[in-house]
């Protein structure tokens, strides 16, 4: 985090002495303060949690199938054709 970023928000957590000691040791190994270590680790975990929800991962086979369908889409089904027609009617109103 750049030194110019101003930190004004606070969070508070209660943890066991054992957990605090592990965090202190890890922060020391990385040459960070406990606060910096906790902020960085929490932010990384939060970003990973969000990515796990927002990013769709496909196998190689699924990627190839998806690309093929994008390049050569199948003909619309009757139900899809009806939905398009209803949508056009709603938008035209």
N, C-alpha and C. Protein backbone atom coordinates (compact mmCIF):
# COMPACT_ATOMS: atom_id res chain seq x y z
N UNK A 1 0.85 -1.18 0.00
CA UNK A 1 0.00 0.00 0.00
C UNK A 1 0.89 1.24 0.00
N UNK A 2 0.64 2.18 -0.93
CA UNK A 2 1.46 3.39 -0.98
C UNK A 2 1.39 4.19 0.31
N UNK A 3 2.48 4.84 0.65
CA UNK A 3 2.54 5.62 1.89
C UNK A 3 1.57 6.78 1.87
N UNK A 4 1.17 7.24 0.67
CA UNK A 4 0.28 8.39 0.57
C UNK A 4 -1.18 8.06 0.88
N UNK A 5 -1.52 6.77 0.97
CA UNK A 5 -2.90 6.38 1.26
C UNK A 5 -3.17 6.63 2.74
N UNK A 6 -4.24 7.37 2.99
CA UNK A 6 -4.58 7.70 4.36
C UNK A 6 -5.54 6.66 4.92
N UNK A 7 -5.19 6.10 6.04
CA UNK A 7 -6.03 5.10 6.68
C UNK A 7 -6.81 5.77 7.81
N UNK A 8 -8.13 5.74 7.67
CA UNK A 8 -8.95 6.36 8.70
C UNK A 8 -9.96 5.40 9.30
N UNK A 9 -10.31 4.34 8.58
CA UNK A 9 -11.30 3.38 9.08
C UNK A 9 -10.63 2.40 10.03
N UNK A 10 -11.41 1.91 11.00
CA UNK A 10 -10.88 0.97 11.98
C UNK A 10 -11.77 -0.26 12.05
N UNK A 11 -11.15 -1.39 12.35
CA UNK A 11 -11.90 -2.59 12.70
C UNK A 11 -11.29 -3.13 13.98
N UNK A 12 -12.07 -3.93 14.67
CA UNK A 12 -11.59 -4.49 15.92
C UNK A 12 -11.92 -5.98 15.93
N UNK A 13 -11.03 -6.77 16.49
CA UNK A 13 -11.26 -8.20 16.55
C UNK A 13 -10.71 -8.74 17.87
N UNK A 14 -11.35 -9.75 18.37
CA UNK A 14 -10.87 -10.45 19.56
C UNK A 14 -10.32 -11.79 19.10
N UNK A 15 -9.13 -12.12 19.59
CA UNK A 15 -8.54 -13.38 19.21
C UNK A 15 -7.78 -13.98 20.37
N UNK A 16 -7.50 -15.26 20.24
CA UNK A 16 -6.79 -15.95 21.31
C UNK A 16 -5.33 -15.50 21.34
N UNK A 17 -4.69 -15.65 22.49
CA UNK A 17 -3.27 -15.32 22.57
C UNK A 17 -2.43 -16.13 21.57
N UNK A 18 -2.83 -17.37 21.33
CA UNK A 18 -2.10 -18.21 20.38
C UNK A 18 -2.20 -17.64 18.97
N UNK A 19 -3.40 -17.22 18.59
CA UNK A 19 -3.59 -16.65 17.25
C UNK A 19 -2.79 -15.36 17.11
N UNK A 20 -2.79 -14.54 18.14
CA UNK A 20 -2.02 -13.28 18.10
C UNK A 20 -0.54 -13.57 17.95
N UNK A 21 -0.05 -14.58 18.65
CA UNK A 21 1.37 -14.90 18.56
C UNK A 21 1.75 -15.36 17.15
N UNK A 22 0.89 -16.15 16.52
CA UNK A 22 1.15 -16.60 15.15
C UNK A 22 1.16 -15.40 14.20
N UNK A 23 0.20 -14.49 14.38
CA UNK A 23 0.14 -13.29 13.54
C UNK A 23 1.37 -12.42 13.75
N UNK A 24 1.76 -12.24 15.00
CA UNK A 24 2.97 -11.44 15.29
C UNK A 24 4.20 -12.05 14.62
N UNK A 25 4.33 -13.38 14.71
CA UNK A 25 5.48 -14.05 14.11
C UNK A 25 5.49 -13.89 12.60
N UNK A 26 4.32 -14.08 11.97
CA UNK A 26 4.24 -13.93 10.52
C UNK A 26 4.53 -12.49 10.09
N UNK A 27 4.02 -11.54 10.84
CA UNK A 27 4.28 -10.12 10.53
C UNK A 27 5.77 -9.82 10.63
N UNK A 28 6.40 -10.35 11.66
CA UNK A 28 7.84 -10.14 11.84
C UNK A 28 8.62 -10.77 10.69
N UNK A 29 8.24 -11.95 10.26
CA UNK A 29 8.92 -12.61 9.14
C UNK A 29 8.85 -11.75 7.89
N UNK A 30 7.70 -11.11 7.68
CA UNK A 30 7.53 -10.27 6.49
C UNK A 30 8.05 -8.85 6.70
N UNK A 31 8.51 -8.54 7.89
CA UNK A 31 9.02 -7.20 8.15
C UNK A 31 7.93 -6.15 8.19
N UNK A 32 6.75 -6.55 8.65
CA UNK A 32 5.60 -5.63 8.73
C UNK A 32 5.17 -5.48 10.17
N UNK A 33 4.37 -4.43 10.39
CA UNK A 33 3.71 -4.32 11.69
C UNK A 33 2.56 -5.31 11.71
N UNK A 34 2.08 -5.63 12.89
CA UNK A 34 0.93 -6.53 13.00
C UNK A 34 -0.26 -5.93 12.25
N UNK A 35 -0.46 -4.65 12.40
CA UNK A 35 -1.57 -3.98 11.73
C UNK A 35 -1.45 -4.10 10.21
N UNK A 36 -0.28 -3.81 9.66
CA UNK A 36 -0.08 -3.93 8.22
C UNK A 36 -0.28 -5.36 7.75
N UNK A 37 0.24 -6.32 8.52
CA UNK A 37 0.09 -7.72 8.16
C UNK A 37 -1.39 -8.12 8.14
N UNK A 38 -2.12 -7.75 9.16
CA UNK A 38 -3.55 -8.10 9.25
C UNK A 38 -4.34 -7.46 8.11
N UNK A 39 -4.07 -6.20 7.82
CA UNK A 39 -4.76 -5.52 6.73
C UNK A 39 -4.47 -6.21 5.40
N UNK A 40 -3.20 -6.50 5.13
CA UNK A 40 -2.83 -7.14 3.86
C UNK A 40 -3.43 -8.54 3.74
N UNK A 41 -3.35 -9.32 4.80
CA UNK A 41 -3.88 -10.68 4.76
C UNK A 41 -5.39 -10.69 4.63
N UNK A 42 -6.05 -9.78 5.33
CA UNK A 42 -7.51 -9.70 5.25
C UNK A 42 -7.95 -9.23 3.88
N UNK A 43 -7.27 -8.25 3.33
CA UNK A 43 -7.62 -7.76 2.00
C UNK A 43 -7.41 -8.86 0.95
N UNK A 44 -6.31 -9.60 1.05
CA UNK A 44 -6.07 -10.69 0.10
C UNK A 44 -7.15 -11.76 0.20
N UNK A 45 -7.54 -12.10 1.42
CA UNK A 45 -8.60 -13.11 1.61
C UNK A 45 -9.93 -12.59 1.07
N UNK A 46 -10.22 -11.32 1.27
CA UNK A 46 -11.47 -10.74 0.77
C UNK A 46 -11.49 -10.74 -0.76
N UNK A 47 -10.37 -10.34 -1.36
CA UNK A 47 -10.30 -10.33 -2.83
C UNK A 47 -10.46 -11.73 -3.40
N UNK A 48 -9.86 -12.73 -2.74
CA UNK A 48 -9.97 -14.12 -3.21
C UNK A 48 -11.41 -14.61 -3.07
N UNK A 49 -12.07 -14.26 -1.98
CA UNK A 49 -13.47 -14.66 -1.77
C UNK A 49 -14.36 -14.08 -2.86
N UNK A 50 -14.15 -12.82 -3.19
CA UNK A 50 -14.95 -12.17 -4.24
C UNK A 50 -14.63 -12.79 -5.59
N UNK A 51 -13.36 -13.02 -5.88
CA UNK A 51 -12.97 -13.63 -7.16
C UNK A 51 -13.59 -15.02 -7.31
N UNK A 52 -13.62 -15.79 -6.22
CA UNK A 52 -14.21 -17.12 -6.28
C UNK A 52 -15.68 -17.07 -6.67
N UNK A 53 -16.35 -15.99 -6.32
CA UNK A 53 -17.76 -15.85 -6.67
C UNK A 53 -17.94 -15.27 -8.06
N UNK A 54 -17.11 -14.32 -8.44
CA UNK A 54 -17.32 -13.58 -9.68
C UNK A 54 -16.65 -14.18 -10.91
N UNK A 55 -15.62 -14.98 -10.71
CA UNK A 55 -14.88 -15.52 -11.85
C UNK A 55 -15.35 -16.93 -12.14
N UNK A 56 -15.75 -17.14 -13.37
CA UNK A 56 -16.20 -18.45 -13.80
C UNK A 56 -15.01 -19.19 -14.39
N UNK A 57 -14.70 -20.35 -13.85
CA UNK A 57 -13.57 -21.14 -14.34
C UNK A 57 -14.11 -22.36 -15.08
N UNK A 58 -13.61 -22.55 -16.29
CA UNK A 58 -14.05 -23.65 -17.12
C UNK A 58 -12.88 -24.57 -17.44
N UNK A 59 -13.18 -25.85 -17.57
CA UNK A 59 -12.15 -26.78 -18.01
C UNK A 59 -11.79 -26.46 -19.46
N UNK A 60 -10.71 -27.02 -19.94
CA UNK A 60 -10.29 -26.79 -21.33
C UNK A 60 -11.40 -27.21 -22.29
N UNK A 61 -11.99 -28.36 -22.03
CA UNK A 61 -13.07 -28.87 -22.89
C UNK A 61 -14.27 -27.91 -22.89
N UNK A 62 -14.64 -27.43 -21.70
CA UNK A 62 -15.77 -26.50 -21.60
C UNK A 62 -15.45 -25.17 -22.29
N UNK A 63 -14.20 -24.70 -22.20
CA UNK A 63 -13.80 -23.47 -22.87
C UNK A 63 -13.95 -23.62 -24.39
N UNK A 64 -13.49 -24.75 -24.90
CA UNK A 64 -13.59 -24.99 -26.33
C UNK A 64 -15.04 -25.06 -26.78
N UNK A 65 -15.88 -25.73 -25.99
CA UNK A 65 -17.32 -25.83 -26.32
C UNK A 65 -17.97 -24.45 -26.31
N UNK A 66 -17.65 -23.65 -25.30
CA UNK A 66 -18.20 -22.31 -25.18
C UNK A 66 -17.80 -21.45 -26.38
N UNK A 67 -16.51 -21.49 -26.75
CA UNK A 67 -16.03 -20.72 -27.90
C UNK A 67 -16.72 -21.16 -29.18
N UNK A 68 -16.87 -22.46 -29.35
CA UNK A 68 -17.54 -22.99 -30.54
C UNK A 68 -18.98 -22.49 -30.62
N UNK A 69 -19.68 -22.49 -29.49
CA UNK A 69 -21.07 -22.02 -29.48
C UNK A 69 -21.16 -20.51 -29.72
N UNK A 70 -20.16 -19.76 -29.29
CA UNK A 70 -20.16 -18.33 -29.57
C UNK A 70 -19.94 -18.06 -31.06
N UNK A 71 -19.04 -18.82 -31.64
CA UNK A 71 -18.73 -18.64 -33.06
C UNK A 71 -19.85 -19.17 -33.95
N UNK A 72 -20.41 -20.29 -33.57
CA UNK A 72 -21.48 -20.94 -34.35
C UNK A 72 -22.67 -21.22 -33.44
N UNK A 73 -23.43 -20.19 -33.10
CA UNK A 73 -24.55 -20.41 -32.17
C UNK A 73 -25.63 -21.29 -32.80
N UNK A 74 -26.30 -22.08 -31.97
CA UNK A 74 -27.39 -22.89 -32.49
C UNK A 74 -28.59 -22.01 -32.85
N UNK A 75 -29.46 -22.53 -33.66
CA UNK A 75 -30.69 -21.79 -34.02
C UNK A 75 -31.53 -21.60 -32.76
N UNK A 76 -32.24 -20.49 -32.67
CA UNK A 76 -33.09 -20.26 -31.50
C UNK A 76 -34.18 -21.34 -31.39
N UNK A 77 -34.45 -21.75 -30.19
CA UNK A 77 -35.53 -22.70 -29.94
C UNK A 77 -36.86 -21.95 -30.07
N UNK A 78 -37.96 -22.67 -30.23
CA UNK A 78 -39.27 -21.98 -30.30
C UNK A 78 -39.53 -21.11 -29.07
N UNK A 79 -39.15 -21.59 -27.89
CA UNK A 79 -39.37 -20.80 -26.67
C UNK A 79 -38.56 -19.51 -26.70
N UNK A 80 -37.32 -19.58 -27.18
CA UNK A 80 -36.50 -18.38 -27.28
C UNK A 80 -37.06 -17.42 -28.31
N UNK A 81 -37.56 -17.93 -29.42
CA UNK A 81 -38.16 -17.07 -30.44
C UNK A 81 -39.37 -16.34 -29.87
N UNK A 82 -40.19 -17.04 -29.08
CA UNK A 82 -41.35 -16.39 -28.44
C UNK A 82 -40.89 -15.32 -27.45
N UNK A 83 -39.84 -15.61 -26.70
CA UNK A 83 -39.32 -14.63 -25.74
C UNK A 83 -38.81 -13.39 -26.45
N UNK A 84 -38.10 -13.56 -27.56
CA UNK A 84 -37.64 -12.41 -28.36
C UNK A 84 -38.83 -11.57 -28.82
N UNK A 85 -39.87 -12.25 -29.30
CA UNK A 85 -41.04 -11.56 -29.80
C UNK A 85 -41.71 -10.76 -28.68
N UNK A 86 -41.87 -11.38 -27.49
CA UNK A 86 -42.47 -10.66 -26.34
C UNK A 86 -41.58 -9.48 -25.94
N UNK A 87 -40.30 -9.68 -25.95
CA UNK A 87 -39.37 -8.60 -25.57
C UNK A 87 -39.49 -7.42 -26.55
N UNK A 88 -39.50 -7.71 -27.84
CA UNK A 88 -39.66 -6.64 -28.85
C UNK A 88 -40.96 -5.88 -28.63
N UNK A 89 -42.04 -6.62 -28.32
CA UNK A 89 -43.34 -5.98 -28.10
C UNK A 89 -43.29 -5.07 -26.87
N UNK A 90 -42.63 -5.52 -25.81
CA UNK A 90 -42.53 -4.70 -24.61
C UNK A 90 -41.68 -3.45 -24.81
N UNK A 91 -40.59 -3.60 -25.53
CA UNK A 91 -39.69 -2.48 -25.78
C UNK A 91 -40.35 -1.45 -26.71
N UNK A 92 -41.13 -1.92 -27.64
CA UNK A 92 -41.80 -1.02 -28.60
C UNK A 92 -42.86 -0.15 -27.92
N UNK A 93 -43.39 -0.61 -26.83
CA UNK A 93 -44.48 0.15 -26.14
C UNK A 93 -43.99 1.40 -25.47
